[in-house]
Amino acid sequence: MASLAWLLIPLSAAIGAGLWGSWAGRNRKTAGDGVELEGYARFRAAMERPDAVTSRSDTLEKSPYDAV
């Protein structure tokens, strides 16, 4: 009878490991990559916008040293 009691220890450990493994490997519902992809799409749209880029010569006034 004592040997059967000692066999219950590894059996219960195996059952516990199986339960923990199934819990750890479950599919979790996440938000996904939608938010990150939308942000990246907005970034690309901002970088491709031609009116967002201004040349340096348009924004700076001519200095007296440019008269050469």
N, C-alpha and C. Protein backbone atom coordinates (compact mmCIF):
# COMPACT_ATOMS: atom_id res chain seq x y z
N MET A 1 0.81 -1.19 0.00
CA MET A 1 0.00 0.00 0.00
C MET A 1 0.86 1.26 0.00
N ALA A 2 1.98 1.21 0.66
CA ALA A 2 2.87 2.37 0.71
C ALA A 2 3.45 2.66 -0.67
N SER A 3 3.70 1.60 -1.45
CA SER A 3 4.25 1.83 -2.78
C SER A 3 3.23 2.52 -3.69
N LEU A 4 1.96 2.23 -3.52
CA LEU A 4 0.92 2.91 -4.29
C LEU A 4 0.83 4.39 -3.91
N ALA A 5 1.06 4.68 -2.64
CA ALA A 5 1.04 6.08 -2.21
C ALA A 5 2.20 6.84 -2.85
N TRP A 6 3.38 6.20 -2.97
CA TRP A 6 4.53 6.85 -3.61
C TRP A 6 4.31 7.03 -5.11
N LEU A 7 3.51 6.18 -5.72
CA LEU A 7 3.22 6.35 -7.13
C LEU A 7 2.23 7.49 -7.40
N LEU A 8 1.49 7.88 -6.39
CA LEU A 8 0.55 8.99 -6.55
C LEU A 8 1.27 10.34 -6.70
N ILE A 9 2.48 10.44 -6.12
CA ILE A 9 3.22 11.70 -6.20
C ILE A 9 3.59 12.02 -7.65
N PRO A 10 4.27 11.13 -8.40
CA PRO A 10 4.56 11.48 -9.78
C PRO A 10 3.32 11.56 -10.66
N LEU A 11 2.30 10.78 -10.33
CA LEU A 11 1.05 10.86 -11.09
C LEU A 11 0.39 12.22 -10.92
N SER A 12 0.34 12.70 -9.70
CA SER A 12 -0.25 14.03 -9.48
C SER A 12 0.63 15.13 -10.08
N ALA A 13 1.95 14.94 -10.07
CA ALA A 13 2.84 15.92 -10.70
C ALA A 13 2.62 15.93 -12.21
N ALA A 14 2.43 14.79 -12.83
CA ALA A 14 2.19 14.71 -14.26
C ALA A 14 0.85 15.35 -14.62
N ILE A 15 -0.15 15.13 -13.82
CA ILE A 15 -1.46 15.75 -14.07
C ILE A 15 -1.36 17.26 -13.90
N GLY A 16 -0.66 17.70 -12.86
CA GLY A 16 -0.47 19.14 -12.65
C GLY A 16 0.32 19.78 -13.79
N ALA A 17 1.35 19.08 -14.28
CA ALA A 17 2.14 19.61 -15.40
C ALA A 17 1.29 19.68 -16.66
N GLY A 18 0.44 18.70 -16.88
CA GLY A 18 -0.45 18.73 -18.04
C GLY A 18 -1.45 19.86 -17.97
N LEU A 19 -2.00 20.10 -16.79
CA LEU A 19 -2.94 21.20 -16.62
C LEU A 19 -2.24 22.55 -16.82
N TRP A 20 -1.05 22.69 -16.26
CA TRP A 20 -0.31 23.93 -16.42
C TRP A 20 0.08 24.15 -17.88
N GLY A 21 0.50 23.10 -18.55
CA GLY A 21 0.88 23.21 -19.96
C GLY A 21 -0.29 23.60 -20.84
N SER A 22 -1.45 23.05 -20.57
CA SER A 22 -2.62 23.43 -21.36
C SER A 22 -3.05 24.87 -21.06
N TRP A 23 -2.87 25.31 -19.82
CA TRP A 23 -3.20 26.69 -19.48
C TRP A 23 -2.19 27.66 -20.08
N ALA A 24 -0.92 27.33 -20.05
CA ALA A 24 0.12 28.21 -20.59
C ALA A 24 0.07 28.28 -22.12
N GLY A 25 -0.39 27.24 -22.77
CA GLY A 25 -0.42 27.21 -24.22
C GLY A 25 -1.74 27.62 -24.83
N ARG A 26 -2.61 28.19 -24.04
CA ARG A 26 -3.92 28.56 -24.56
C ARG A 26 -3.82 29.73 -25.51
N ASN A 27 -4.82 29.89 -26.34
CA ASN A 27 -4.90 31.03 -27.26
C ASN A 27 -5.47 32.21 -26.51
N ARG A 28 -4.70 33.26 -26.44
CA ARG A 28 -5.17 34.46 -25.76
C ARG A 28 -5.72 35.42 -26.80
N LYS A 29 -6.82 36.02 -26.49
CA LYS A 29 -7.41 37.00 -27.40
C LYS A 29 -6.68 38.32 -27.20
N THR A 30 -5.99 38.75 -28.24
CA THR A 30 -5.25 40.00 -28.16
C THR A 30 -5.86 41.00 -29.13
N ALA A 31 -5.44 42.22 -28.98
CA ALA A 31 -5.94 43.28 -29.85
C ALA A 31 -5.42 43.12 -31.27
N GLY A 32 -4.31 42.44 -31.42
CA GLY A 32 -3.76 42.24 -32.75
C GLY A 32 -2.86 43.38 -33.16
N ASP A 33 -2.52 43.39 -34.42
CA ASP A 33 -1.60 44.38 -34.95
C ASP A 33 -2.32 45.53 -35.64
N GLY A 34 -3.62 45.60 -35.50
CA GLY A 34 -4.38 46.62 -36.21
C GLY A 34 -3.97 48.03 -35.86
N VAL A 35 -3.76 48.31 -34.58
CA VAL A 35 -3.41 49.65 -34.15
C VAL A 35 -2.04 50.04 -34.71
N GLU A 36 -1.08 49.12 -34.64
CA GLU A 36 0.26 49.42 -35.13
C GLU A 36 0.26 49.61 -36.65
N LEU A 37 -0.52 48.79 -37.36
CA LEU A 37 -0.57 48.91 -38.81
C LEU A 37 -1.23 50.21 -39.24
N GLU A 38 -2.25 50.65 -38.51
CA GLU A 38 -2.88 51.92 -38.84
C GLU A 38 -1.92 53.08 -38.60
N GLY A 39 -1.16 53.02 -37.53
CA GLY A 39 -0.17 54.05 -37.27
C GLY A 39 0.90 54.09 -38.34
N TYR A 40 1.32 52.94 -38.79
CA TYR A 40 2.33 52.87 -39.85
C TYR A 40 1.78 53.42 -41.16
N ALA A 41 0.51 53.13 -41.44
CA ALA A 41 -0.11 53.65 -42.67
C ALA A 41 -0.19 55.17 -42.62
N ARG A 42 -0.52 55.73 -41.45
CA ARG A 42 -0.55 57.19 -41.31
C ARG A 42 0.84 57.78 -41.48
N PHE A 43 1.85 57.11 -40.94
CA PHE A 43 3.22 57.58 -41.09
C PHE A 43 3.64 57.58 -42.55
N ARG A 44 3.34 56.52 -43.27
CA ARG A 44 3.70 56.45 -44.69
C ARG A 44 2.98 57.51 -45.49
N ALA A 45 1.71 57.73 -45.18
CA ALA A 45 0.96 58.76 -45.89
C ALA A 45 1.55 60.13 -45.63
N ALA A 46 2.01 60.38 -44.42
CA ALA A 46 2.62 61.68 -44.11
C ALA A 46 3.95 61.83 -44.81
N MET A 47 4.70 60.77 -44.94
CA MET A 47 6.00 60.85 -45.59
C MET A 47 5.88 60.98 -47.11
N GLU A 48 4.80 60.49 -47.69
CA GLU A 48 4.62 60.55 -49.14
C GLU A 48 3.93 61.82 -49.59
N ARG A 49 3.48 62.63 -48.69
CA ARG A 49 2.77 63.84 -49.04
C ARG A 49 3.74 64.85 -49.65
N PRO A 50 3.52 65.29 -50.90
CA PRO A 50 4.49 66.20 -51.53
C PRO A 50 4.43 67.62 -50.96
N ASP A 51 3.29 68.07 -50.44
CA ASP A 51 3.20 69.43 -49.94
C ASP A 51 3.79 69.59 -48.55
N ALA A 52 4.13 68.52 -47.89
CA ALA A 52 4.70 68.59 -46.56
C ALA A 52 6.17 68.97 -46.59
N VAL A 53 6.81 68.84 -47.75
CA VAL A 53 8.23 69.12 -47.86
C VAL A 53 8.40 70.51 -48.46
N THR A 54 9.12 71.36 -47.74
CA THR A 54 9.44 72.68 -48.26
C THR A 54 10.94 72.78 -48.43
N SER A 55 11.33 73.46 -49.46
CA SER A 55 12.77 73.56 -49.69
C SER A 55 13.35 74.63 -48.78
N ARG A 56 14.59 74.52 -48.52
CA ARG A 56 15.27 75.43 -47.61
C ARG A 56 15.36 76.84 -48.21
N SER A 57 15.51 76.94 -49.49
CA SER A 57 15.64 78.26 -50.11
C SER A 57 14.34 79.06 -50.04
N ASP A 58 13.20 78.37 -49.95
CA ASP A 58 11.92 79.08 -49.84
C ASP A 58 11.71 79.65 -48.46
N THR A 59 12.27 79.05 -47.46
CA THR A 59 11.99 79.47 -46.10
C THR A 59 13.00 80.47 -45.57
N LEU A 60 14.18 80.52 -46.13
CA LEU A 60 15.21 81.42 -45.65
C LEU A 60 15.28 82.67 -46.50
N GLU A 61 15.54 83.78 -45.86
CA GLU A 61 15.75 85.01 -46.61
C GLU A 61 17.19 85.04 -47.12
N LYS A 62 17.39 85.78 -48.16
CA LYS A 62 18.74 85.91 -48.71
C LYS A 62 19.56 86.78 -47.77
N SER A 63 20.76 86.32 -47.50
CA SER A 63 21.66 87.10 -46.67
C SER A 63 22.52 87.99 -47.54
N PRO A 64 23.11 89.02 -46.98
CA PRO A 64 23.97 89.90 -47.79
C PRO A 64 25.24 89.18 -48.27
N TYR A 65 25.56 88.08 -47.69
CA TYR A 65 26.75 87.34 -48.10
C TYR A 65 26.50 86.50 -49.35
N ASP A 66 25.24 86.35 -49.77
CA ASP A 66 24.92 85.57 -50.97
C ASP A 66 25.04 86.38 -52.25
N ALA A 67 25.53 87.61 -52.18
CA ALA A 67 25.57 88.50 -53.33
C ALA A 67 26.71 88.16 -54.29
N VAL A 68 27.48 87.20 -54.01
CA VAL A 68 28.63 86.86 -54.84
C VAL A 68 28.24 86.31 -56.15
